[in-house]
Protein backbone atom coordinates (compact mmCIF):
# COMPACT_ATOMS: atom_id res chain seq x y z
CA MET A 1 160.76 82.38 203.28
CA ASP A 2 162.91 79.37 202.49
CA THR A 3 164.36 78.71 199.08
CA GLN A 4 161.76 76.05 198.19
CA THR A 5 158.86 78.36 199.08
CA HIS A 6 160.46 81.11 197.00
CA ALA A 7 160.82 78.75 194.03
CA ASN A 8 157.20 77.60 194.39
CA THR A 9 155.93 81.17 194.57
CA PHE A 10 157.90 82.18 191.51
CA THR A 11 156.62 79.13 189.63
CA ALA A 12 153.05 79.99 190.63
CA LEU A 13 153.44 83.56 189.34
CA ALA A 14 154.83 82.30 186.05
CA ALA A 15 152.01 79.75 185.69
CA CYS A 16 149.39 82.38 186.46
CA PHE A 17 150.58 85.08 184.08
CA SER A 18 152.50 83.37 181.28
CA VAL A 19 149.40 82.41 179.30
CA ASP A 20 148.07 85.98 179.11
CA LEU A 21 151.47 87.52 178.43
CA ALA A 22 152.43 85.01 175.72
CA ALA A 23 149.03 85.38 174.05
CA PHE A 24 149.45 89.13 173.86
CA ILE A 25 152.57 88.76 171.73
CA ALA A 26 151.24 85.69 169.89
CA GLU A 27 153.79 83.26 171.33
CA GLU A 28 153.32 79.78 172.65
CA THR A 29 152.96 79.67 176.39
CA PRO A 30 156.29 78.55 177.85
CA GLN A 31 156.08 75.25 179.71
CA ASP A 32 157.66 75.43 183.16
CA PRO A 33 159.66 78.57 182.46
CA SER A 34 162.68 79.26 184.62
CA PRO A 35 162.62 82.55 186.52
CA ALA A 36 164.92 84.03 183.88
CA ASP A 37 162.65 82.79 181.07
CA PHE A 38 159.61 84.34 182.77
CA ILE A 39 161.35 87.69 183.22
CA ASP A 40 162.43 87.51 179.57
CA LEU A 41 158.78 86.96 178.53
CA ILE A 42 157.76 90.01 180.56
CA ASP A 43 160.51 92.04 178.86
CA ARG A 44 159.41 90.90 175.38
CA VAL A 45 155.82 91.95 176.10
CA ARG A 46 157.02 95.27 177.49
CA ASN A 47 159.10 95.86 174.35
CA VAL A 48 156.09 95.14 172.12
CA LEU A 49 154.01 97.58 174.14
CA GLY A 50 156.75 100.20 173.90
CA SER A 51 157.06 99.84 170.15
CA ALA A 52 153.28 99.96 169.63
CA SER A 53 153.19 103.65 170.66
CA LEU A 54 149.68 103.24 171.98
CA GLY A 55 149.11 105.64 174.84
CA SER A 56 146.48 103.38 176.35
CA LEU A 57 149.07 100.65 176.85
CA GLN A 58 151.70 102.87 178.47
CA ASP A 59 150.37 101.96 181.92
CA ALA A 60 150.75 98.25 181.13
CA GLU A 61 154.30 98.84 179.94
CA GLU A 62 155.16 100.64 183.19
CA GLU A 63 153.53 97.89 185.27
CA LEU A 64 155.52 95.21 183.44
CA ASP A 65 158.74 97.17 183.94
CA ALA A 66 158.05 97.35 187.69
CA ALA A 67 157.14 93.64 187.83
CA ALA A 68 160.38 92.65 186.09
CA THR A 69 162.35 94.78 188.52
CA TYR A 70 160.68 93.21 191.57
CA LEU A 71 161.14 89.69 190.18
CA THR A 72 164.81 90.31 189.46
CA ASP A 73 165.30 91.76 192.93
CA ALA A 74 163.55 88.71 194.43
CA LEU A 75 165.97 86.42 192.60
CA ASN A 76 169.05 88.35 193.59
CA GLY A 77 168.07 89.88 196.92
CA ALA A 78 168.06 88.80 200.52
CA GLU A 79 165.77 85.92 201.41
CA ASP A 80 164.01 88.08 204.01
CA ASP A 81 162.77 90.45 201.30
CA GLN A 82 161.60 87.86 198.77
CA ALA A 83 158.00 87.46 199.95
CA MET A 84 157.38 91.22 199.78
CA LEU A 85 159.13 91.53 196.40
CA LEU A 86 157.13 88.66 194.91
CA ALA A 87 153.88 90.11 196.25
CA CYS A 88 154.69 93.46 194.64
CA ALA A 89 155.56 91.73 191.36
CA ARG A 90 152.21 89.89 191.44
CA THR A 91 150.34 93.16 191.90
CA HIS A 92 152.14 94.81 188.97
CA LEU A 93 151.60 91.76 186.74
CA ARG A 94 147.90 91.72 187.54
CA ASN A 95 147.62 95.45 186.81
CA ALA A 96 149.49 95.04 183.52
CA VAL A 97 147.25 92.21 182.31
CA GLU A 98 144.16 94.23 183.24
CA ALA A 99 145.50 97.26 181.36
CA ILE A 100 146.27 95.16 178.27
CA ASN A 101 142.85 93.58 178.23
């Protein structure tokens, strides 16, 4: 996966999930967030879930934690691993949004 494809995939993930995540914590949806901004949004939602102490949202918190880890690894890891890491992040993000809703 070349750098441009990686950037496009990351942008697509942010576009797909930012609206739901921002809405959950009553924030404006970030416009064209950088990868770091998107990971920060995920972390803020995870922190809100953690402080809510709602057992039903613990799965979503764990999914967001995993997604943030995969996204960070995709940013910092070897190019050969990025497609798999981004795919894993997408799965965890989808699971987290489903658990929240």
